[in-house]
Full PDB file with SEQRES, HELIX, SHEET, SSBOND, CRYST1, ORIGX, SCALE, CONECT and MASTER records, all heavy atoms in Angstrom:
SEQRES   1 A   40  VAL SER THR HIS ARG PHE THR CYS ALA ARG ASP PHE LEU          
SEQRES   2 A   40  GLN PHE LEU PRO ALA ASP VAL PRO GLN PRO PHE SER ASN          
SEQRES   3 A   40  LYS THR LEU ALA ALA LEU LEU HIS LEU PRO LEU PRO GLN          
SEQRES   4 A   40  CYS                                                          
HELIX    1 AA1 ALA A    9  PHE A   15  5                                   7    
HELIX    2 AA2 ASN A   26  LEU A   33  1                                   8    
CRYST1    1.000    1.000    1.000  90.00  90.00  90.00 P 1           1          
ORIGX1      1.000000  0.000000  0.000000        0.00000                         
ORIGX2      0.000000  1.000000  0.000000        0.00000                         
ORIGX3      0.000000  0.000000  1.000000        0.00000                         
SCALE1      1.000000  0.000000  0.000000        0.00000                         
SCALE2      0.000000  1.000000  0.000000        0.00000                         
SCALE3      0.000000  0.000000  1.000000        0.00000                         
ATOM      1  N   VAL A   1      14.691  -9.980   9.271  1.00  0.00           N  
ATOM      2  CA  VAL A   1      14.508  -8.574   8.976  1.00  0.00           C  
ATOM      3  C   VAL A   1      13.508  -7.918   9.894  1.00  0.00           C  
ATOM      4  O   VAL A   1      13.760  -6.853  10.457  1.00  0.00           O  
ATOM      5  CB  VAL A   1      14.122  -8.371   7.514  1.00  0.00           C  
ATOM      6  CG1 VAL A   1      13.905  -6.898   7.195  1.00  0.00           C  
ATOM      7  CG2 VAL A   1      15.164  -8.998   6.555  1.00  0.00           C  
ATOM      8  N   SER A   2      12.334  -8.550  10.085  1.00  0.00           N  
ATOM      9  CA  SER A   2      11.262  -8.005  10.921  1.00  0.00           C  
ATOM     10  C   SER A   2      10.301  -9.100  11.258  1.00  0.00           C  
ATOM     11  O   SER A   2      10.300 -10.146  10.625  1.00  0.00           O  
ATOM     12  CB  SER A   2      10.590  -6.829  10.263  1.00  0.00           C  
ATOM     13  OG  SER A   2       9.986  -7.208   9.078  1.00  0.00           O  
ATOM     14  N   THR A   3       9.458  -8.843  12.256  1.00  0.00           N  
ATOM     15  CA  THR A   3       8.394  -9.799  12.614  1.00  0.00           C  
ATOM     16  C   THR A   3       7.045  -9.088  12.742  1.00  0.00           C  
ATOM     17  O   THR A   3       7.021  -7.852  13.022  1.00  0.00           O  
ATOM     18  CB  THR A   3       8.692 -10.464  13.971  1.00  0.00           C  
ATOM     19  OG1 THR A   3       8.620  -9.468  15.027  1.00  0.00           O  
ATOM     20  CG2 THR A   3      10.062 -11.147  13.967  1.00  0.00           C  
ATOM     21  N   HIS A   4       5.995  -9.822  12.430  1.00  0.00           N  
ATOM     22  CA  HIS A   4       4.650  -9.230  12.365  1.00  0.00           C  
ATOM     23  C   HIS A   4       3.668 -10.194  13.046  1.00  0.00           C  
ATOM     24  O   HIS A   4       3.512 -11.321  12.563  1.00  0.00           O  
ATOM     25  CB  HIS A   4       4.249  -8.956  10.931  1.00  0.00           C  
ATOM     26  CG  HIS A   4       5.231  -8.087  10.225  1.00  0.00           C  
ATOM     27  ND1 HIS A   4       5.036  -6.715  10.076  1.00  0.00           N  
ATOM     28  CD2 HIS A   4       6.431  -8.368   9.591  1.00  0.00           C  
ATOM     29  CE1 HIS A   4       6.073  -6.208   9.439  1.00  0.00           C  
ATOM     30  NE2 HIS A   4       6.925  -7.175   9.134  1.00  0.00           N  
ATOM     31  N   ARG A   5       3.078  -9.756  14.123  1.00  0.00           N  
ATOM     32  CA  ARG A   5       2.195 -10.595  14.974  1.00  0.00           C  
ATOM     33  C   ARG A   5       0.760 -10.280  14.737  1.00  0.00           C  
ATOM     34  O   ARG A   5       0.366  -9.153  14.618  1.00  0.00           O  
ATOM     35  CB  ARG A   5       2.583 -10.366  16.425  1.00  0.00           C  
ATOM     36  CG  ARG A   5       1.868 -11.339  17.412  1.00  0.00           C  
ATOM     37  CD  ARG A   5       2.264 -10.913  18.835  1.00  0.00           C  
ATOM     38  NE  ARG A   5       1.612 -11.749  19.826  1.00  0.00           N  
ATOM     39  CZ  ARG A   5       2.107 -12.840  20.408  1.00  0.00           C  
ATOM     40  NH1 ARG A   5       3.328 -13.227  20.072  1.00  0.00           N  
ATOM     41  NH2 ARG A   5       1.417 -13.509  21.299  1.00  0.00           N  
ATOM     42  N   PHE A   6      -0.060 -11.354  14.618  1.00  0.00           N  
ATOM     43  CA  PHE A   6      -1.479 -11.205  14.377  1.00  0.00           C  
ATOM     44  C   PHE A   6      -2.255 -11.976  15.496  1.00  0.00           C  
ATOM     45  O   PHE A   6      -2.002 -13.199  15.638  1.00  0.00           O  
ATOM     46  CB  PHE A   6      -1.875 -11.712  13.020  1.00  0.00           C  
ATOM     47  CG  PHE A   6      -1.240 -10.981  11.891  1.00  0.00           C  
ATOM     48  CD1 PHE A   6       0.104 -11.285  11.517  1.00  0.00           C  
ATOM     49  CD2 PHE A   6      -1.931  -9.999  11.232  1.00  0.00           C  
ATOM     50  CE1 PHE A   6       0.680 -10.540  10.467  1.00  0.00           C  
ATOM     51  CE2 PHE A   6      -1.311  -9.323  10.134  1.00  0.00           C  
ATOM     52  CZ  PHE A   6      -0.021  -9.584   9.802  1.00  0.00           C  
ATOM     53  N   THR A   7      -3.071 -11.359  16.194  1.00  0.00           N  
ATOM     54  CA  THR A   7      -3.815 -12.008  17.300  1.00  0.00           C  
ATOM     55  C   THR A   7      -5.259 -12.306  16.994  1.00  0.00           C  
ATOM     56  O   THR A   7      -5.871 -13.072  17.767  1.00  0.00           O  
ATOM     57  CB  THR A   7      -3.718 -11.152  18.597  1.00  0.00           C  
ATOM     58  OG1 THR A   7      -4.392  -9.914  18.320  1.00  0.00           O  
ATOM     59  CG2 THR A   7      -2.295 -10.898  19.007  1.00  0.00           C  
ATOM     60  N   CYS A   8      -5.770 -11.755  15.959  1.00  0.00           N  
ATOM     61  CA  CYS A   8      -7.171 -12.023  15.595  1.00  0.00           C  
ATOM     62  C   CYS A   8      -7.384 -11.703  14.102  1.00  0.00           C  
ATOM     63  O   CYS A   8      -6.523 -11.083  13.460  1.00  0.00           O  
ATOM     64  CB  CYS A   8      -8.186 -11.308  16.444  1.00  0.00           C  
ATOM     65  SG  CYS A   8      -8.117  -9.496  16.124  1.00  0.00           S  
ATOM     66  N   ALA A   9      -8.548 -12.066  13.576  1.00  0.00           N  
ATOM     67  CA  ALA A   9      -8.815 -11.909  12.157  1.00  0.00           C  
ATOM     68  C   ALA A   9      -8.737 -10.423  11.747  1.00  0.00           C  
ATOM     69  O   ALA A   9      -8.255 -10.086  10.661  1.00  0.00           O  
ATOM     70  CB  ALA A   9     -10.142 -12.495  11.808  1.00  0.00           C  
ATOM     71  N   ARG A  10      -9.207  -9.543  12.626  1.00  0.00           N  
ATOM     72  CA  ARG A  10      -9.272  -8.155  12.259  1.00  0.00           C  
ATOM     73  C   ARG A  10      -7.879  -7.545  12.030  1.00  0.00           C  
ATOM     74  O   ARG A  10      -7.750  -6.566  11.263  1.00  0.00           O  
ATOM     75  CB  ARG A  10     -10.059  -7.346  13.328  1.00  0.00           C  
ATOM     76  CG  ARG A  10     -10.427  -5.930  12.894  1.00  0.00           C  
ATOM     77  CD  ARG A  10     -11.521  -5.358  13.733  1.00  0.00           C  
ATOM     78  NE  ARG A  10     -11.908  -4.032  13.195  1.00  0.00           N  
ATOM     79  CZ  ARG A  10     -12.752  -3.850  12.173  1.00  0.00           C  
ATOM     80  NH1 ARG A  10     -13.283  -4.871  11.587  1.00  0.00           N  
ATOM     81  NH2 ARG A  10     -13.054  -2.628  11.753  1.00  0.00           N  
ATOM     82  N   ASP A  11      -6.893  -8.071  12.650  1.00  0.00           N  
ATOM     83  CA  ASP A  11      -5.514  -7.612  12.416  1.00  0.00           C  
ATOM     84  C   ASP A  11      -5.127  -7.714  10.951  1.00  0.00           C  
ATOM     85  O   ASP A  11      -4.276  -6.882  10.460  1.00  0.00           O  
ATOM     86  CB  ASP A  11      -4.505  -8.433  13.220  1.00  0.00           C  
ATOM     87  CG  ASP A  11      -4.527  -8.091  14.697  1.00  0.00           C  
ATOM     88  OD1 ASP A  11      -5.076  -7.010  15.050  1.00  0.00           O  
ATOM     89  OD2 ASP A  11      -3.995  -8.891  15.497  1.00  0.00           O  
ATOM     90  N   PHE A  12      -5.693  -8.627  10.211  1.00  0.00           N  
ATOM     91  CA  PHE A  12      -5.339  -8.832   8.795  1.00  0.00           C  
ATOM     92  C   PHE A  12      -5.973  -7.784   7.883  1.00  0.00           C  
ATOM     93  O   PHE A  12      -5.631  -7.691   6.721  1.00  0.00           O  
ATOM     94  CB  PHE A  12      -5.756 -10.231   8.333  1.00  0.00           C  
ATOM     95  CG  PHE A  12      -4.845 -11.306   8.898  1.00  0.00           C  
ATOM     96  CD1 PHE A  12      -5.161 -11.922  10.092  1.00  0.00           C  
ATOM     97  CD2 PHE A  12      -3.705 -11.695   8.268  1.00  0.00           C  
ATOM     98  CE1 PHE A  12      -4.352 -12.906  10.653  1.00  0.00           C  
ATOM     99  CE2 PHE A  12      -2.847 -12.695   8.752  1.00  0.00           C  
ATOM    100  CZ  PHE A  12      -3.199 -13.292   9.956  1.00  0.00           C  
ATOM    101  N   LEU A  13      -6.857  -6.946   8.416  1.00  0.00           N  
ATOM    102  CA  LEU A  13      -7.424  -5.891   7.608  1.00  0.00           C  
ATOM    103  C   LEU A  13      -6.401  -4.783   7.258  1.00  0.00           C  
ATOM    104  O   LEU A  13      -6.648  -3.972   6.405  1.00  0.00           O  
ATOM    105  CB  LEU A  13      -8.639  -5.280   8.336  1.00  0.00           C  
ATOM    106  CG  LEU A  13      -9.916  -6.143   8.400  1.00  0.00           C  
ATOM    107  CD1 LEU A  13     -10.946  -5.482   9.258  1.00  0.00           C  
ATOM    108  CD2 LEU A  13     -10.427  -6.458   7.021  1.00  0.00           C  
ATOM    109  N   GLN A  14      -5.255  -4.853   7.905  1.00  0.00           N  
ATOM    110  CA  GLN A  14      -4.181  -3.906   7.609  1.00  0.00           C  
ATOM    111  C   GLN A  14      -3.754  -4.020   6.134  1.00  0.00           C  
ATOM    112  O   GLN A  14      -3.095  -3.110   5.613  1.00  0.00           O  
ATOM    113  CB  GLN A  14      -2.992  -4.102   8.528  1.00  0.00           C  
ATOM    114  CG  GLN A  14      -2.249  -5.376   8.382  1.00  0.00           C  
ATOM    115  CD  GLN A  14      -1.128  -5.535   9.390  1.00  0.00           C  
ATOM    116  OE1 GLN A  14       0.047  -5.237   9.056  1.00  0.00           O  
ATOM    117  NE2 GLN A  14      -1.431  -6.024  10.582  1.00  0.00           N  
ATOM    118  N   PHE A  15      -4.016  -5.136   5.512  1.00  0.00           N  
ATOM    119  CA  PHE A  15      -3.621  -5.334   4.121  1.00  0.00           C  
ATOM    120  C   PHE A  15      -4.523  -4.647   3.147  1.00  0.00           C  
ATOM    121  O   PHE A  15      -4.251  -4.576   1.933  1.00  0.00           O  
ATOM    122  CB  PHE A  15      -3.538  -6.821   3.779  1.00  0.00           C  
ATOM    123  CG  PHE A  15      -2.438  -7.572   4.503  1.00  0.00           C  
ATOM    124  CD1 PHE A  15      -2.674  -8.265   5.660  1.00  0.00           C  
ATOM    125  CD2 PHE A  15      -1.105  -7.462   4.002  1.00  0.00           C  
ATOM    126  CE1 PHE A  15      -1.633  -8.908   6.332  1.00  0.00           C  
ATOM    127  CE2 PHE A  15      -0.095  -8.101   4.698  1.00  0.00           C  
ATOM    128  CZ  PHE A  15      -0.324  -8.821   5.867  1.00  0.00           C  
ATOM    129  N   LEU A  16      -5.609  -4.121   3.629  1.00  0.00           N  
ATOM    130  CA  LEU A  16      -6.547  -3.339   2.778  1.00  0.00           C  
ATOM    131  C   LEU A  16      -6.148  -1.888   2.870  1.00  0.00           C  
ATOM    132  O   LEU A  16      -5.884  -1.346   3.945  1.00  0.00           O  
ATOM    133  CB  LEU A  16      -7.996  -3.522   3.218  1.00  0.00           C  
ATOM    134  CG  LEU A  16      -8.565  -4.919   3.250  1.00  0.00           C  
ATOM    135  CD1 LEU A  16     -10.037  -4.847   3.643  1.00  0.00           C  
ATOM    136  CD2 LEU A  16      -8.427  -5.589   1.854  1.00  0.00           C  
ATOM    137  N   PRO A  17      -6.103  -1.194   1.728  1.00  0.00           N  
ATOM    138  CA  PRO A  17      -5.774   0.249   1.746  1.00  0.00           C  
ATOM    139  C   PRO A  17      -6.846   1.030   2.459  1.00  0.00           C  
ATOM    140  O   PRO A  17      -7.997   0.678   2.454  1.00  0.00           O  
ATOM    141  CB  PRO A  17      -5.658   0.625   0.269  1.00  0.00           C  
ATOM    142  CG  PRO A  17      -6.384  -0.452  -0.443  1.00  0.00           C  
ATOM    143  CD  PRO A  17      -6.339  -1.692   0.350  1.00  0.00           C  
ATOM    144  N   ALA A  18      -6.424   2.119   3.082  1.00  0.00           N  
ATOM    145  CA  ALA A  18      -7.352   2.963   3.870  1.00  0.00           C  
ATOM    146  C   ALA A  18      -8.492   3.550   2.997  1.00  0.00           C  
ATOM    147  O   ALA A  18      -9.595   3.786   3.486  1.00  0.00           O  
ATOM    148  CB  ALA A  18      -6.592   4.098   4.573  1.00  0.00           C  
ATOM    149  N   ASP A  19      -8.160   3.749   1.714  1.00  0.00           N  
ATOM    150  CA  ASP A  19      -9.175   4.403   0.850  1.00  0.00           C  
ATOM    151  C   ASP A  19      -9.948   3.403   0.007  1.00  0.00           C  
ATOM    152  O   ASP A  19     -10.578   3.790  -0.983  1.00  0.00           O  
ATOM    153  CB  ASP A  19      -8.507   5.371  -0.091  1.00  0.00           C  
ATOM    154  CG  ASP A  19      -7.352   4.774  -0.939  1.00  0.00           C  
ATOM    155  OD1 ASP A  19      -6.959   3.668  -0.619  1.00  0.00           O  
ATOM    156  OD2 ASP A  19      -6.889   5.440  -1.897  1.00  0.00           O  
ATOM    157  N   VAL A  20      -9.939   2.121   0.387  1.00  0.00           N  
ATOM    158  CA  VAL A  20     -10.664   1.111  -0.408  1.00  0.00           C  
ATOM    159  C   VAL A  20     -12.149   1.427  -0.294  1.00  0.00           C  
ATOM    160  O   VAL A  20     -12.690   1.670   0.804  1.00  0.00           O  
ATOM    161  CB  VAL A  20     -10.375  -0.335   0.067  1.00  0.00           C  
ATOM    162  CG1 VAL A  20     -10.859  -0.612   1.470  1.00  0.00           C  
ATOM    163  CG2 VAL A  20     -10.962  -1.340  -0.916  1.00  0.00           C  
ATOM    164  N   PRO A  21     -12.900   1.486  -1.403  1.00  0.00           N  
ATOM    165  CA  PRO A  21     -14.363   1.767  -1.355  1.00  0.00           C  
ATOM    166  C   PRO A  21     -15.087   0.603  -0.757  1.00  0.00           C  
ATOM    167  O   PRO A  21     -14.630  -0.514  -0.678  1.00  0.00           O  
ATOM    168  CB  PRO A  21     -14.704   1.939  -2.820  1.00  0.00           C  
ATOM    169  CG  PRO A  21     -13.699   1.185  -3.615  1.00  0.00           C  
ATOM    170  CD  PRO A  21     -12.405   1.252  -2.775  1.00  0.00           C  
ATOM    171  N   GLN A  22     -16.329   0.906  -0.292  1.00  0.00           N  
ATOM    172  CA  GLN A  22     -17.227  -0.121   0.260  1.00  0.00           C  
ATOM    173  C   GLN A  22     -18.490  -0.133  -0.554  1.00  0.00           C  
ATOM    174  O   GLN A  22     -19.201   0.892  -0.581  1.00  0.00           O  
ATOM    175  CB  GLN A  22     -17.518   0.200   1.737  1.00  0.00           C  
ATOM    176  CG  GLN A  22     -16.327   0.255   2.645  1.00  0.00           C  
ATOM    177  CD  GLN A  22     -15.729  -1.136   2.934  1.00  0.00           C  
ATOM    178  OE1 GLN A  22     -16.436  -2.066   3.229  1.00  0.00           O  
ATOM    179  NE2 GLN A  22     -14.419  -1.212   2.842  1.00  0.00           N  
ATOM    180  N   PRO A  23     -18.810  -1.190  -1.236  1.00  0.00           N  
ATOM    181  CA  PRO A  23     -17.996  -2.453  -1.336  1.00  0.00           C  
ATOM    182  C   PRO A  23     -16.957  -2.282  -2.409  1.00  0.00           C  
ATOM    183  O   PRO A  23     -16.869  -1.302  -3.102  1.00  0.00           O  
ATOM    184  CB  PRO A  23     -19.068  -3.467  -1.724  1.00  0.00           C  
ATOM    185  CG  PRO A  23     -20.046  -2.686  -2.553  1.00  0.00           C  
ATOM    186  CD  PRO A  23     -20.104  -1.336  -1.932  1.00  0.00           C  
ATOM    187  N   PHE A  24     -16.107  -3.352  -2.539  1.00  0.00           N  
ATOM    188  CA  PHE A  24     -15.029  -3.327  -3.519  1.00  0.00           C  
ATOM    189  C   PHE A  24     -14.876  -4.718  -4.120  1.00  0.00           C  
ATOM    190  O   PHE A  24     -15.252  -5.744  -3.549  1.00  0.00           O  
ATOM    191  CB  PHE A  24     -13.701  -2.910  -2.877  1.00  0.00           C  
ATOM    192  CG  PHE A  24     -13.187  -3.836  -1.830  1.00  0.00           C  
ATOM    193  CD1 PHE A  24     -12.289  -4.853  -2.117  1.00  0.00           C  
ATOM    194  CD2 PHE A  24     -13.601  -3.698  -0.510  1.00  0.00           C  
ATOM    195  CE1 PHE A  24     -11.834  -5.751  -1.179  1.00  0.00           C  
ATOM    196  CE2 PHE A  24     -13.122  -4.581   0.479  1.00  0.00           C  
ATOM    197  CZ  PHE A  24     -12.242  -5.605   0.155  1.00  0.00           C  
ATOM    198  N   SER A  25     -14.254  -4.750  -5.260  1.00  0.00           N  
ATOM    199  CA  SER A  25     -13.978  -6.055  -5.949  1.00  0.00           C  
ATOM    200  C   SER A  25     -12.518  -6.381  -5.887  1.00  0.00           C  
ATOM    201  O   SER A  25     -11.698  -5.594  -5.515  1.00  0.00           O  
ATOM    202  CB  SER A  25     -14.436  -5.978  -7.413  1.00  0.00           C  
ATOM    203  OG  SER A  25     -13.599  -5.061  -8.120  1.00  0.00           O  
ATOM    204  N   ASN A  26     -12.187  -7.611  -6.312  1.00  0.00           N  
ATOM    205  CA  ASN A  26     -10.791  -7.993  -6.380  1.00  0.00           C  
ATOM    206  C   ASN A  26      -9.989  -7.135  -7.396  1.00  0.00           C  
ATOM    207  O   ASN A  26      -8.826  -6.805  -7.165  1.00  0.00           O  
ATOM    208  CB  ASN A  26     -10.619  -9.482  -6.726  1.00  0.00           C  
ATOM    209  CG  ASN A  26     -10.919 -10.390  -5.567  1.00  0.00           C  
ATOM    210  OD1 ASN A  26     -10.404 -10.143  -4.464  1.00  0.00           O  
ATOM    211  ND2 ASN A  26     -11.740 -11.429  -5.782  1.00  0.00           N  
ATOM    212  N   LYS A  27     -10.657  -6.745  -8.480  1.00  0.00           N  
ATOM    213  CA  LYS A  27     -10.015  -5.930  -9.463  1.00  0.00           C  
ATOM    214  C   LYS A  27      -9.683  -4.559  -8.895  1.00  0.00           C  
ATOM    215  O   LYS A  27      -8.589  -3.961  -9.140  1.00  0.00           O  
ATOM    216  CB  LYS A  27     -10.908  -5.800 -10.729  1.00  0.00           C  
ATOM    217  CG  LYS A  27     -10.948  -7.077 -11.540  1.00  0.00           C  
ATOM    218  CD  LYS A  27     -11.769  -6.857 -12.770  1.00  0.00           C  
ATOM    219  CE  LYS A  27     -11.813  -8.129 -13.655  1.00  0.00           C  
ATOM    220  NZ  LYS A  27     -12.680  -7.981 -14.833  1.00  0.00           N  
ATOM    221  N   THR A  28     -10.606  -3.987  -8.097  1.00  0.00           N  
ATOM    222  CA  THR A  28     -10.357  -2.713  -7.427  1.00  0.00           C  
ATOM    223  C   THR A  28      -9.215  -2.834  -6.482  1.00  0.00           C  
ATOM    224  O   THR A  28      -8.342  -1.964  -6.451  1.00  0.00           O  
ATOM    225  CB  THR A  28     -11.640  -2.241  -6.701  1.00  0.00           C  
ATOM    226  OG1 THR A  28     -12.715  -2.123  -7.607  1.00  0.00           O  
ATOM    227  CG2 THR A  28     -11.384  -0.917  -6.000  1.00  0.00           C  
ATOM    228  N   LEU A  29      -9.153  -3.920  -5.702  1.00  0.00           N  
ATOM    229  CA  LEU A  29      -8.090  -4.119  -4.755  1.00  0.00           C  
ATOM    230  C   LEU A  29      -6.773  -4.259  -5.452  1.00  0.00           C  
ATOM    231  O   LEU A  29      -5.777  -3.749  -4.995  1.00  0.00           O  
ATOM    232  CB  LEU A  29      -8.406  -5.348  -3.907  1.00  0.00           C  
ATOM    233  CG  LEU A  29      -7.476  -5.587  -2.736  1.00  0.00           C  
ATOM    234  CD1 LEU A  29      -7.532  -4.462  -1.735  1.00  0.00           C  
ATOM    235  CD2 LEU A  29      -7.813  -6.905  -2.005  1.00  0.00           C  
ATOM    236  N   ALA A  30      -6.726  -4.996  -6.542  1.00  0.00           N  
ATOM    237  CA  ALA A  30      -5.505  -5.196  -7.347  1.00  0.00           C  
ATOM    238  C   ALA A  30      -4.938  -3.900  -7.804  1.00  0.00           C  
ATOM    239  O   ALA A  30      -3.723  -3.625  -7.807  1.00  0.00           O  
ATOM    240  CB  ALA A  30      -5.733  -6.157  -8.458  1.00  0.00           C  
ATOM    241  N   ALA A  31      -5.828  -3.000  -8.285  1.00  0.00           N  
ATOM    242  CA  ALA A  31      -5.410  -1.701  -8.772  1.00  0.00           C  
ATOM    243  C   ALA A  31      -4.885  -0.809  -7.624  1.00  0.00           C  
ATOM    244  O   ALA A  31      -3.865  -0.097  -7.827  1.00  0.00           O  
ATOM    245  CB  ALA A  31      -6.592  -0.998  -9.475  1.00  0.00           C  
ATOM    246  N   LEU A  32      -5.486  -0.864  -6.501  1.00  0.00           N  
ATOM    247  CA  LEU A  32      -5.074  -0.031  -5.362  1.00  0.00           C  
ATOM    248  C   LEU A  32      -3.752  -0.516  -4.744  1.00  0.00           C  
ATOM    249  O   LEU A  32      -2.893   0.261  -4.348  1.00  0.00           O  
ATOM    250  CB  LEU A  32      -6.148   0.018  -4.283  1.00  0.00           C  
ATOM    251  CG  LEU A  32      -7.414   0.797  -4.646  1.00  0.00           C  
ATOM    252  CD1 LEU A  32      -8.503   0.546  -3.561  1.00  0.00           C  
ATOM    253  CD2 LEU A  32      -7.106   2.281  -4.776  1.00  0.00           C  
ATOM    254  N   LEU A  33      -3.583  -1.843  -4.693  1.00  0.00           N  
ATOM    255  CA  LEU A  33      -2.400  -2.434  -4.044  1.00  0.00           C  
ATOM    256  C   LEU A  33      -1.255  -2.670  -5.056  1.00  0.00           C  
ATOM    257  O   LEU A  33      -0.146  -2.996  -4.600  1.00  0.00           O  
ATOM    258  CB  LEU A  33      -2.745  -3.737  -3.381  1.00  0.00           C  
ATOM    259  CG  LEU A  33      -3.679  -3.661  -2.167  1.00  0.00           C  
ATOM    260  CD1 LEU A  33      -3.964  -5.077  -1.651  1.00  0.00           C  
ATOM    261  CD2 LEU A  33      -3.109  -2.780  -1.084  1.00  0.00           C  
ATOM    262  N   HIS A  34      -1.565  -2.543  -6.346  1.00  0.00           N  
ATOM    263  CA  HIS A  34      -0.546  -2.890  -7.396  1.00  0.00           C  
ATOM    264  C   HIS A  34      -0.011  -4.290  -7.235  1.00  0.00           C  
ATOM    265  O   HIS A  34       1.159  -4.556  -7.296  1.00  0.00           O  
ATOM    266  CB  HIS A  34       0.610  -1.851  -7.324  1.00  0.00           C  
ATOM    267  CG  HIS A  34       0.180  -0.413  -7.397  1.00  0.00           C  
ATOM    268  ND1 HIS A  34      -0.274   0.155  -8.571  1.00  0.00           N  
ATOM    269  CD2 HIS A  34       0.140   0.565  -6.436  1.00  0.00           C  
ATOM    270  CE1 HIS A  34      -0.617   1.417  -8.307  1.00  0.00           C  
ATOM    271  NE2 HIS A  34      -0.346   1.677  -7.067  1.00  0.00           N  
ATOM    272  N   LEU A  35      -0.966  -5.220  -7.073  1.00  0.00           N  
ATOM    273  CA  LEU A  35      -0.688  -6.648  -6.923  1.00  0.00           C  
ATOM    274  C   LEU A  35      -1.423  -7.402  -8.018  1.00  0.00           C  
ATOM    275  O   LEU A  35      -2.452  -6.978  -8.501  1.00  0.00           O  
ATOM    276  CB  LEU A  35      -1.150  -7.139  -5.552  1.00  0.00           C  
ATOM    277  CG  LEU A  35      -0.366  -6.671  -4.312  1.00  0.00           C  
ATOM    278  CD1 LEU A  35      -1.039  -7.165  -3.042  1.00  0.00           C  
ATOM    279  CD2 LEU A  35       1.097  -7.040  -4.367  1.00  0.00           C  
ATOM    280  N   PRO A  36      -0.904  -8.595  -8.336  1.00  0.00           N  
ATOM    281  CA  PRO A  36      -1.592  -9.459  -9.306  1.00  0.00           C  
ATOM    282  C   PRO A  36      -2.973  -9.845  -8.800  1.00  0.00           C  
ATOM    283  O   PRO A  36      -3.137  -9.991  -7.581  1.00  0.00           O  
ATOM    284  CB  PRO A  36      -0.678 -10.663  -9.390  1.00  0.00           C  
ATOM    285  CG  PRO A  36       0.674 -10.227  -8.915  1.00  0.00           C  
ATOM    286  CD  PRO A  36       0.388  -9.179  -7.868  1.00  0.00           C  
ATOM    287  N   LEU A  37      -3.909  -9.995  -9.701  1.00  0.00           N  
ATOM    288  CA  LEU A  37      -5.290 -10.378  -9.346  1.00  0.00           C  
ATOM    289  C   LEU A  37      -5.358 -11.676  -8.563  1.00  0.00           C  
ATOM    290  O   LEU A  37      -6.083 -11.746  -7.549  1.00  0.00           O  
ATOM    291  CB  LEU A  37      -6.142 -10.420 -10.587  1.00  0.00           C  
ATOM    292  CG  LEU A  37      -7.639 -10.626 -10.428  1.00  0.00           C  
ATOM    293  CD1 LEU A  37      -8.242  -9.507  -9.551  1.00  0.00           C  
ATOM    294  CD2 LEU A  37      -8.344 -10.678 -11.738  1.00  0.00           C  
ATOM    295  N   PRO A  38      -4.627 -12.706  -8.946  1.00  0.00           N  
ATOM    296  CA  PRO A  38      -4.653 -13.962  -8.164  1.00  0.00           C  
ATOM    297  C   PRO A  38      -4.269 -13.794  -6.671  1.00  0.00           C  
ATOM    298  O   PRO A  38      -4.821 -14.424  -5.797  1.00  0.00           O  
ATOM    299  CB  PRO A  38      -3.728 -14.916  -8.894  1.00  0.00           C  
ATOM    300  CG  PRO A  38      -3.705 -14.406 -10.298  1.00  0.00           C  
ATOM    301  CD  PRO A  38      -3.813 -12.926 -10.161  1.00  0.00           C  
ATOM    302  N   GLN A  39      -3.316 -12.907  -6.429  1.00  0.00           N  
ATOM    303  CA  GLN A  39      -2.865 -12.692  -5.074  1.00  0.00           C  
ATOM    304  C   GLN A  39      -3.916 -11.933  -4.288  1.00  0.00           C  
ATOM    305  O   GLN A  39      -4.168 -12.216  -3.123  1.00  0.00           O  
ATOM    306  CB  GLN A  39      -1.556 -11.871  -5.079  1.00  0.00           C  
ATOM    307  CG  GLN A  39      -0.864 -11.828  -3.727  1.00  0.00           C  
ATOM    308  CD  GLN A  39       0.503 -11.219  -3.784  1.00  0.00           C  
ATOM    309  OE1 GLN A  39       0.953 -10.768  -4.810  1.00  0.00           O  
ATOM    310  NE2 GLN A  39       1.155 -11.134  -2.630  1.00  0.00           N  
ATOM    311  N   CYS A  40      -4.623 -11.026  -4.929  1.00  0.00           N  
ATOM    312  CA  CYS A  40      -5.716 -10.317  -4.261  1.00  0.00           C  
ATOM    313  C   CYS A  40      -6.911 -11.267  -3.954  1.00  0.00           C  
ATOM    314  O   CYS A  40      -7.550 -11.111  -2.954  1.00  0.00           O  
ATOM    315  CB  CYS A  40      -6.185  -9.167  -5.129  1.00  0.00           C  
ATOM    316  SG  CYS A  40      -4.995  -7.805  -5.145  1.00  0.00           S  
TER     317      CYS A  40                                                      
MASTER        0    0    0    2    0    0    0    6  316    1    0    4          
END                                                                             
C-alpha cells in the first residue's frame, strides 16, 4: 500500500501530535492519539 523510510531517531517524532504539551505523559499522548495506553 505504501512505504515509510526512517533515517534517524528524530524521524520517529512524526508520531507525536503537533499540539502535544511539553512535558507530557503517556495518558496525555493516548488521549491525543486515540490509542490504547500500552501502545503509547
